[in-house]
Structures are given as C-alpha cells and as structure tokens.
Amino acid sequence: MIAESNNTIIVEDNHYFPEDSLNKEFFVDSDHESTCWWKGIAKYKSIKVGENVNTDAVWYYADPKDEAKKIKGRYAFWKGVKIEK
C-alpha cells in the first residue's frame, strides 16, 4: 500500500491524499510539471516498487491558485494506481 487515509478530498473524481498518509519509501521526485487553468502548476512524483517504476503517477499542487487551496500539499494518483474505499 502506497497511501492510506480516511481524509481524502475529491476534486474532479480524483482523491487527494494528505501528505502524511503517503508511504514515502515508494515515491521518487520527478522534474515533470503540468498546468491546470484553475488549479495552477502540478508537480509530479514517480512510484517505485522494487525495480518497477510508474513514472509521474502522482501529482500535487505545492502552491495552487486560490480556487484550489483545499488541495494544497495533497497528492493524487493515476496511471493505473487503484484507489480502494
């Protein structure tokens, strides 16, 4: 398990996990960034389990626009990462 929380925030069908819920041993920094018109600049991390790397599978907004302040410092997943309730 790479993250676990009962305190996610759902935005655009994505669960944003608090930073302290991440199992940080599986996360590797990435230089990749993207821009959302209403949230701001997203930064990425890759997930590494053993020799397997899921590149840029995690994103977060370190300094989101005002409209997205509630997800500041929270992490969301994609690229096949399964979220279970």
Protein backbone atom coordinates (compact mmCIF):
# COMPACT_ATOMS: atom_id res chain seq x y z
CA MET A 1 0.00 0.00 0.00
CA ILE A 2 1.44 3.35 -1.04
CA ALA A 3 -1.07 5.60 0.76
CA GLU A 4 -3.94 5.22 3.21
CA SER A 5 -6.36 7.82 4.55
CA ASN A 6 -9.96 8.38 5.56
CA ASN A 7 -9.38 12.08 4.90
CA THR A 8 -9.18 12.46 1.13
CA ILE A 9 -10.62 15.41 -0.76
CA ILE A 10 -12.31 14.57 -4.07
CA VAL A 11 -11.83 17.04 -6.91
CA GLU A 12 -12.77 16.16 -10.49
CA ASP A 13 -13.20 12.47 -9.47
CA ASN A 14 -9.65 12.31 -8.05
CA HIS A 15 -8.92 11.53 -4.41
CA TYR A 16 -6.31 13.90 -2.99
CA PHE A 17 -4.46 12.29 -0.07
CA PRO A 18 -2.81 14.23 2.76
CA GLU A 19 0.99 14.11 2.66
CA ASP A 20 1.26 12.28 5.97
CA SER A 21 -0.78 9.37 4.55
CA LEU A 22 1.88 8.53 1.94
CA ASN A 23 4.30 5.65 2.39
CA LYS A 24 7.21 7.82 1.22
CA GLU A 25 9.64 4.96 0.63
CA PHE A 26 7.80 4.33 -2.67
CA PHE A 27 7.97 7.89 -4.05
CA VAL A 28 10.68 9.37 -6.27
CA ASP A 29 10.87 13.05 -7.26
CA SER A 30 10.23 14.00 -10.87
CA ASP A 31 11.03 17.11 -12.88
CA HIS A 32 7.72 16.87 -14.76
CA GLU A 33 5.15 19.66 -14.37
CA SER A 34 1.80 20.47 -15.95
CA THR A 35 -0.61 23.37 -15.68
CA CYS A 36 -4.30 23.37 -14.89
CA TRP A 37 -6.12 26.59 -15.75
CA TRP A 38 -7.92 26.74 -12.39
CA LYS A 39 -5.62 24.81 -10.03
CA GLY A 40 -2.19 26.03 -11.15
CA ILE A 41 1.09 24.17 -11.64
CA ALA A 42 1.11 20.47 -10.79
CA LYS A 43 4.35 18.81 -9.79
CA TYR A 44 4.84 15.06 -10.09
CA LYS A 45 6.42 12.08 -8.39
CA SER A 46 7.00 8.57 -9.67
CA ILE A 47 6.18 5.41 -7.77
CA LYS A 48 8.97 2.87 -7.38
CA VAL A 49 8.34 -0.60 -6.00
CA GLY A 50 11.39 -2.82 -6.27
CA GLU A 51 12.68 -2.39 -9.83
CA ASN A 52 9.26 -1.31 -11.17
CA VAL A 53 8.73 2.43 -11.76
CA ASN A 54 5.40 4.06 -12.59
CA THR A 55 6.69 7.36 -13.98
CA ASP A 56 4.86 10.55 -12.98
CA ALA A 57 1.95 8.57 -11.48
CA VAL A 58 1.46 11.04 -8.61
CA TRP A 59 0.72 14.75 -8.81
CA TYR A 60 0.29 17.55 -6.31
CA TYR A 61 -0.07 21.32 -6.13
CA ALA A 62 2.52 22.88 -3.86
CA ASP A 63 1.15 26.38 -4.44
CA PRO A 64 -2.31 26.13 -6.03
CA LYS A 65 -4.45 29.03 -7.17
CA ASP A 66 -6.97 30.36 -4.64
CA GLU A 67 -9.80 28.27 -6.11
CA ALA A 68 -7.89 25.08 -5.28
CA LYS A 69 -6.34 25.95 -1.89
CA LYS A 70 -8.11 22.99 -0.25
CA ILE A 71 -5.83 20.54 -2.11
CA LYS A 72 -2.57 22.32 -1.31
CA GLY A 73 0.07 19.74 -0.40
CA ARG A 74 -2.25 16.81 -1.15
CA TYR A 75 -1.41 14.02 -3.58
CA ALA A 76 -3.50 12.36 -6.29
CA PHE A 77 -2.80 9.25 -8.37
CA TRP A 78 -3.32 7.99 -11.91
CA LYS A 79 -1.61 5.73 -14.48
CA GLY A 80 -3.21 2.55 -13.17
CA VAL A 81 -2.95 3.27 -9.44
CA LYS A 82 -6.04 1.73 -7.86
CA ILE A 83 -7.96 3.65 -5.19
CA GLU A 84 -10.00 1.43 -2.87
CA LYS A 85 -12.57 2.58 -0.35
